[in-house]
């Protein structure tokens, strides 16, 4: 199996100011996923993906995309 965990919670918060969950929670969740992948040797699966293109599609300006 292959795949990627998308950081949509963080993307929506940063690009559209749509705060379903807090930024703190979103970052902690992303960190927990990273740690799980490390601890369990998960292979062929990217633990996080934040795409500048998707940020732009969600309405982010170029500075936010770069950040």
PDB file of N, CA and C in Angstrom:
ATOM      1  N   UNK A   1       0.845  -1.168   0.000  1.00  0.00           N
ATOM      2  CA  UNK A   1       0.000   0.000   0.000  1.00  0.00           C
ATOM      3  C   UNK A   1       0.892   1.233   0.000  1.00  0.00           C
ATOM      4  N   UNK A   2       0.485   2.244  -0.731  1.00  0.00           N
ATOM      5  CA  UNK A   2       1.202   3.518  -0.758  1.00  0.00           C
ATOM      6  C   UNK A   2       0.200   4.643  -0.550  1.00  0.00           C
ATOM      7  N   UNK A   3       0.687   5.763  -0.047  1.00  0.00           N
ATOM      8  CA  UNK A   3      -0.218   6.894   0.125  1.00  0.00           C
ATOM      9  C   UNK A   3       0.452   8.062   0.801  1.00  0.00           C
ATOM     10  N   UNK A   4      -0.344   9.068   1.071  1.00  0.00           N
ATOM     11  CA  UNK A   4       0.123  10.285   1.716  1.00  0.00           C
ATOM     12  C   UNK A   4      -0.953  10.793   2.665  1.00  0.00           C
ATOM     13  N   UNK A   5      -0.541  11.193   3.844  1.00  0.00           N
ATOM     14  CA  UNK A   5      -1.447  11.852   4.780  1.00  0.00           C
ATOM     15  C   UNK A   5      -1.483  13.329   4.399  1.00  0.00           C
ATOM     16  N   UNK A   6      -2.658  13.842   4.100  1.00  0.00           N
ATOM     17  CA  UNK A   6      -2.799  15.247   3.730  1.00  0.00           C
ATOM     18  C   UNK A   6      -2.997  16.099   4.977  1.00  0.00           C
ATOM     19  N   UNK A   7      -2.431  17.284   4.959  1.00  0.00           N
ATOM     20  CA  UNK A   7      -2.539  18.199   6.102  1.00  0.00           C
ATOM     21  C   UNK A   7      -3.682  19.194   5.862  1.00  0.00           C
ATOM     22  N   UNK A   8      -4.858  18.675   5.554  1.00  0.00           N
ATOM     23  CA  UNK A   8      -5.979  19.540   5.208  1.00  0.00           C
ATOM     24  C   UNK A   8      -6.437  20.427   6.360  1.00  0.00           C
ATOM     25  N   UNK A   9      -6.375  19.916   7.578  1.00  0.00           N
ATOM     26  CA  UNK A   9      -6.807  20.731   8.717  1.00  0.00           C
ATOM     27  C   UNK A   9      -5.951  21.989   8.792  1.00  0.00           C
ATOM     28  N   UNK A  10      -4.648  21.827   8.696  1.00  0.00           N
ATOM     29  CA  UNK A  10      -3.739  22.966   8.759  1.00  0.00           C
ATOM     30  C   UNK A  10      -3.899  23.857   7.529  1.00  0.00           C
ATOM     31  N   UNK A  11      -4.067  23.238   6.359  1.00  0.00           N
ATOM     32  CA  UNK A  11      -4.230  23.999   5.116  1.00  0.00           C
ATOM     33  C   UNK A  11      -5.446  24.917   5.195  1.00  0.00           C
ATOM     34  N   UNK A  12      -6.567  24.389   5.621  1.00  0.00           N
ATOM     35  CA  UNK A  12      -7.784  25.194   5.696  1.00  0.00           C
ATOM     36  C   UNK A  12      -7.625  26.338   6.685  1.00  0.00           C
ATOM     37  N   UNK A  13      -6.974  26.068   7.780  1.00  0.00           N
ATOM     38  CA  UNK A  13      -6.761  27.105   8.787  1.00  0.00           C
ATOM     39  C   UNK A  13      -5.882  28.220   8.228  1.00  0.00           C
ATOM     40  N   UNK A  14      -4.783  27.855   7.600  1.00  0.00           N
ATOM     41  CA  UNK A  14      -3.828  28.850   7.121  1.00  0.00           C
ATOM     42  C   UNK A  14      -4.302  29.559   5.858  1.00  0.00           C
ATOM     43  N   UNK A  15      -4.967  28.855   4.961  1.00  0.00           N
ATOM     44  CA  UNK A  15      -5.330  29.439   3.671  1.00  0.00           C
ATOM     45  C   UNK A  15      -6.666  30.161   3.698  1.00  0.00           C
ATOM     46  N   UNK A  16      -7.635  29.618   4.427  1.00  0.00           N
ATOM     47  CA  UNK A  16      -8.979  30.184   4.368  1.00  0.00           C
ATOM     48  C   UNK A  16      -9.470  30.726   5.696  1.00  0.00           C
ATOM     49  N   UNK A  17      -8.642  30.630   6.715  1.00  0.00           N
ATOM     50  CA  UNK A  17      -9.059  31.052   8.055  1.00  0.00           C
ATOM     51  C   UNK A  17     -10.290  30.280   8.531  1.00  0.00           C
ATOM     52  N   UNK A  18     -10.419  29.047   8.072  1.00  0.00           N
ATOM     53  CA  UNK A  18     -11.496  28.171   8.491  1.00  0.00           C
ATOM     54  C   UNK A  18     -10.951  27.310   9.610  1.00  0.00           C
ATOM     55  N   UNK A  19     -11.351  27.606  10.816  1.00  0.00           N
ATOM     56  CA  UNK A  19     -10.750  26.936  11.975  1.00  0.00           C
ATOM     57  C   UNK A  19     -11.704  25.889  12.534  1.00  0.00           C
ATOM     58  N   UNK A  20     -11.590  24.656  12.014  1.00  0.00           N
ATOM     59  CA  UNK A  20     -12.375  23.558  12.548  1.00  0.00           C
ATOM     60  C   UNK A  20     -11.706  23.071  13.835  1.00  0.00           C
ATOM     61  N   UNK A  21     -10.387  22.907  13.767  1.00  0.00           N
ATOM     62  CA  UNK A  21      -9.577  22.549  14.920  1.00  0.00           C
ATOM     63  C   UNK A  21      -8.512  23.621  15.086  1.00  0.00           C
ATOM     64  N   UNK A  22      -7.993  23.764  16.266  1.00  0.00           N
ATOM     65  CA  UNK A  22      -6.967  24.777  16.503  1.00  0.00           C
ATOM     66  C   UNK A  22      -5.677  24.416  15.768  1.00  0.00           C
ATOM     67  N   UNK A  23      -4.876  25.426  15.479  1.00  0.00           N
ATOM     68  CA  UNK A  23      -3.579  25.192  14.842  1.00  0.00           C
ATOM     69  C   UNK A  23      -2.715  24.309  15.733  1.00  0.00           C
ATOM     70  N   UNK A  24      -2.789  24.523  17.040  1.00  0.00           N
ATOM     71  CA  UNK A  24      -2.016  23.709  17.986  1.00  0.00           C
ATOM     72  C   UNK A  24      -2.393  22.231  17.856  1.00  0.00           C
ATOM     73  N   UNK A  25      -3.693  21.947  17.798  1.00  0.00           N
ATOM     74  CA  UNK A  25      -4.145  20.568  17.648  1.00  0.00           C
ATOM     75  C   UNK A  25      -3.680  19.991  16.315  1.00  0.00           C
ATOM     76  N   UNK A  26      -3.817  20.763  15.241  1.00  0.00           N
ATOM     77  CA  UNK A  26      -3.418  20.299  13.911  1.00  0.00           C
ATOM     78  C   UNK A  26      -1.942  19.940  13.863  1.00  0.00           C
ATOM     79  N   UNK A  27      -1.099  20.792  14.431  1.00  0.00           N
ATOM     80  CA  UNK A  27       0.340  20.520  14.447  1.00  0.00           C
ATOM     81  C   UNK A  27       0.671  19.309  15.313  1.00  0.00           C
ATOM     82  N   UNK A  28      -0.029  19.185  16.445  1.00  0.00           N
ATOM     83  CA  UNK A  28       0.200  18.033  17.318  1.00  0.00           C
ATOM     84  C   UNK A  28      -0.215  16.740  16.612  1.00  0.00           C
ATOM     85  N   UNK A  29      -1.337  16.769  15.896  1.00  0.00           N
ATOM     86  CA  UNK A  29      -1.799  15.596  15.161  1.00  0.00           C
ATOM     87  C   UNK A  29      -0.786  15.203  14.087  1.00  0.00           C
ATOM     88  N   UNK A  30      -0.272  16.190  13.353  1.00  0.00           N
ATOM     89  CA  UNK A  30       0.738  15.900  12.336  1.00  0.00           C
ATOM     90  C   UNK A  30       1.996  15.305  12.974  1.00  0.00           C
ATOM     91  N   UNK A  31       2.402  15.846  14.107  1.00  0.00           N
ATOM     92  CA  UNK A  31       3.572  15.312  14.816  1.00  0.00           C
ATOM     93  C   UNK A  31       3.340  13.899  15.313  1.00  0.00           C
ATOM     94  N   UNK A  32       2.128  13.627  15.805  1.00  0.00           N
ATOM     95  CA  UNK A  32       1.802  12.283  16.284  1.00  0.00           C
ATOM     96  C   UNK A  32       1.829  11.269  15.137  1.00  0.00           C
ATOM     97  N   UNK A  33       1.339  11.676  13.967  1.00  0.00           N
ATOM     98  CA  UNK A  33       1.375  10.785  12.800  1.00  0.00           C
ATOM     99  C   UNK A  33       2.821  10.503  12.412  1.00  0.00           C
ATOM    100  N   UNK A  34       3.650  11.554  12.394  1.00  0.00           N
ATOM    101  CA  UNK A  34       5.075  11.372  12.095  1.00  0.00           C
ATOM    102  C   UNK A  34       5.704  10.372  13.057  1.00  0.00           C
ATOM    103  N   UNK A  35       5.446  10.544  14.346  1.00  0.00           N
ATOM    104  CA  UNK A  35       6.033   9.680  15.361  1.00  0.00           C
ATOM    105  C   UNK A  35       5.555   8.242  15.207  1.00  0.00           C
ATOM    106  N   UNK A  36       4.271   8.064  14.909  1.00  0.00           N
ATOM    107  CA  UNK A  36       3.737   6.714  14.698  1.00  0.00           C
ATOM    108  C   UNK A  36       4.454   6.023  13.545  1.00  0.00           C
ATOM    109  N   UNK A  37       4.639   6.746  12.453  1.00  0.00           N
ATOM    110  CA  UNK A  37       5.306   6.174  11.286  1.00  0.00           C
ATOM    111  C   UNK A  37       6.747   5.777  11.630  1.00  0.00           C
ATOM    112  N   UNK A  38       7.425   6.613  12.390  1.00  0.00           N
ATOM    113  CA  UNK A  38       8.804   6.322  12.795  1.00  0.00           C
ATOM    114  C   UNK A  38       8.832   5.100  13.713  1.00  0.00           C
ATOM    115  N   UNK A  39       7.975   5.103  14.737  1.00  0.00           N
ATOM    116  CA  UNK A  39       7.963   4.029  15.727  1.00  0.00           C
ATOM    117  C   UNK A  39       7.607   2.671  15.120  1.00  0.00           C
ATOM    118  N   UNK A  40       6.750   2.675  14.108  1.00  0.00           N
ATOM    119  CA  UNK A  40       6.267   1.424  13.536  1.00  0.00           C
ATOM    120  C   UNK A  40       6.895   1.094  12.181  1.00  0.00           C
ATOM    121  N   UNK A  41       7.880   1.864  11.775  1.00  0.00           N
ATOM    122  CA  UNK A  41       8.600   1.584  10.539  1.00  0.00           C
ATOM    123  C   UNK A  41       7.710   1.554   9.309  1.00  0.00           C
ATOM    124  N   UNK A  42       6.726   2.436   9.264  1.00  0.00           N
ATOM    125  CA  UNK A  42       5.812   2.472   8.121  1.00  0.00           C
ATOM    126  C   UNK A  42       6.586   2.891   6.882  1.00  0.00           C
ATOM    127  N   UNK A  43       6.462   2.111   5.823  1.00  0.00           N
ATOM    128  CA  UNK A  43       7.165   2.388   4.572  1.00  0.00           C
ATOM    129  C   UNK A  43       6.153   2.601   3.448  1.00  0.00           C
ATOM    130  N   UNK A  44       6.614   3.218   2.375  1.00  0.00           N
ATOM    131  CA  UNK A  44       5.778   3.459   1.193  1.00  0.00           C
ATOM    132  C   UNK A  44       4.568   4.329   1.494  1.00  0.00           C
ATOM    133  N   UNK A  45       4.679   5.136   2.512  1.00  0.00           N
ATOM    134  CA  UNK A  45       3.584   6.021   2.878  1.00  0.00           C
ATOM    135  C   UNK A  45       4.194   7.318   3.380  1.00  0.00           C
ATOM    136  N   UNK A  46       3.872   8.418   2.746  1.00  0.00           N
ATOM    137  CA  UNK A  46       4.391   9.712   3.190  1.00  0.00           C
ATOM    138  C   UNK A  46       3.575  10.175   4.386  1.00  0.00           C
ATOM    139  N   UNK A  47       4.259  10.569   5.422  1.00  0.00           N
ATOM    140  CA  UNK A  47       3.568  10.878   6.674  1.00  0.00           C
ATOM    141  C   UNK A  47       2.881  12.235   6.678  1.00  0.00           C
ATOM    142  N   UNK A  48       3.266  13.130   5.776  1.00  0.00           N
ATOM    143  CA  UNK A  48       2.572  14.423   5.696  1.00  0.00           C
ATOM    144  C   UNK A  48       2.825  15.052   4.340  1.00  0.00           C
ATOM    145  N   UNK A  49       1.830  15.761   3.856  1.00  0.00           N
ATOM    146  CA  UNK A  49       1.972  16.490   2.604  1.00  0.00           C
ATOM    147  C   UNK A  49       1.255  17.821   2.731  1.00  0.00           C
ATOM    148  N   UNK A  50       1.989  18.884   2.524  1.00  0.00           N
ATOM    149  CA  UNK A  50       1.390  20.216   2.463  1.00  0.00           C
ATOM    150  C   UNK A  50       1.805  20.788   1.119  1.00  0.00           C
ATOM    151  N   UNK A  51       0.860  21.000   0.252  1.00  0.00           N
ATOM    152  CA  UNK A  51       1.145  21.457  -1.100  1.00  0.00           C
ATOM    153  C   UNK A  51       0.861  22.946  -1.237  1.00  0.00           C
ATOM    154  N   UNK A  52       1.852  23.687  -1.722  1.00  0.00           N
ATOM    155  CA  UNK A  52       1.641  25.108  -1.989  1.00  0.00           C
ATOM    156  C   UNK A  52       0.531  25.329  -2.992  1.00  0.00           C
ATOM    157  N   UNK A  53       0.429  24.424  -3.959  1.00  0.00           N
ATOM    158  CA  UNK A  53      -0.648  24.520  -4.959  1.00  0.00           C
ATOM    159  C   UNK A  53      -2.014  24.405  -4.292  1.00  0.00           C
ATOM    160  N   UNK A  54      -2.155  23.444  -3.390  1.00  0.00           N
ATOM    161  CA  UNK A  54      -3.434  23.289  -2.702  1.00  0.00           C
ATOM    162  C   UNK A  54      -3.725  24.480  -1.798  1.00  0.00           C
ATOM    163  N   UNK A  55      -2.666  25.035  -1.231  1.00  0.00           N
ATOM    164  CA  UNK A  55      -2.844  26.252  -0.423  1.00  0.00           C
ATOM    165  C   UNK A  55      -3.386  27.377  -1.304  1.00  0.00           C
ATOM    166  N   UNK A  56      -2.822  27.521  -2.514  1.00  0.00           N
ATOM    167  CA  UNK A  56      -3.279  28.560  -3.438  1.00  0.00           C
ATOM    168  C   UNK A  56      -4.733  28.326  -3.834  1.00  0.00           C
ATOM    169  N   UNK A  57      -5.076  27.071  -4.115  1.00  0.00           N
ATOM    170  CA  UNK A  57      -6.454  26.737  -4.473  1.00  0.00           C
ATOM    171  C   UNK A  57      -7.417  27.080  -3.343  1.00  0.00           C
ATOM    172  N   UNK A  58      -6.951  26.998  -2.116  1.00  0.00           N
ATOM    173  CA  UNK A  58      -7.784  27.309  -0.961  1.00  0.00           C
ATOM    174  C   UNK A  58      -7.818  28.806  -0.673  1.00  0.00           C
ATOM    175  N   UNK A  59      -7.036  29.594  -1.425  1.00  0.00           N
ATOM    176  CA  UNK A  59      -7.096  31.035  -1.289  1.00  0.00           C
ATOM    177  C   UNK A  59      -5.914  31.690  -0.624  1.00  0.00           C
ATOM    178  N   UNK A  60      -4.833  30.946  -0.374  1.00  0.00           N
ATOM    179  CA  UNK A  60      -3.662  31.528   0.290  1.00  0.00           C
ATOM    180  C   UNK A  60      -2.905  32.441  -0.661  1.00  0.00           C
ATOM    181  N   UNK A  61      -2.293  33.464  -0.095  1.00  0.00           N
ATOM    182  CA  UNK A  61      -1.454  34.347  -0.900  1.00  0.00           C
ATOM    183  C   UNK A  61      -0.064  33.708  -1.040  1.00  0.00           C
ATOM    184  N   UNK A  62       0.772  34.229  -1.940  1.00  0.00           N
ATOM    185  CA  UNK A  62       2.100  33.623  -2.169  1.00  0.00           C
ATOM    186  C   UNK A  62       2.968  33.535  -0.913  1.00  0.00           C
ATOM    187  N   UNK A  63       2.878  34.506  -0.026  1.00  0.00           N
ATOM    188  CA  UNK A  63       3.693  34.473   1.199  1.00  0.00           C
ATOM    189  C   UNK A  63       3.245  33.315   2.095  1.00  0.00           C
ATOM    190  N   UNK A  64       1.940  33.118   2.235  1.00  0.00           N
ATOM    191  CA  UNK A  64       1.426  32.010   3.033  1.00  0.00           C
ATOM    192  C   UNK A  64       1.801  30.659   2.421  1.00  0.00           C
ATOM    193  N   UNK A  65       1.781  30.593   1.096  1.00  0.00           N
ATOM    194  CA  UNK A  65       2.155  29.354   0.418  1.00  0.00           C
ATOM    195  C   UNK A  65       3.604  28.994   0.730  1.00  0.00           C
ATOM    196  N   UNK A  66       4.483  29.989   0.679  1.00  0.00           N
ATOM    197  CA  UNK A  66       5.889  29.754   0.931  1.00  0.00           C
ATOM    198  C   UNK A  66       6.137  29.338   2.377  1.00  0.00           C
ATOM    199  N   UNK A  67       5.428  29.984   3.279  1.00  0.00           N
ATOM    200  CA  UNK A  67       5.600  29.675   4.713  1.00  0.00           C
ATOM    201  C   UNK A  67       5.185  28.248   4.982  1.00  0.00           C
TER     202      UNK A  67
END
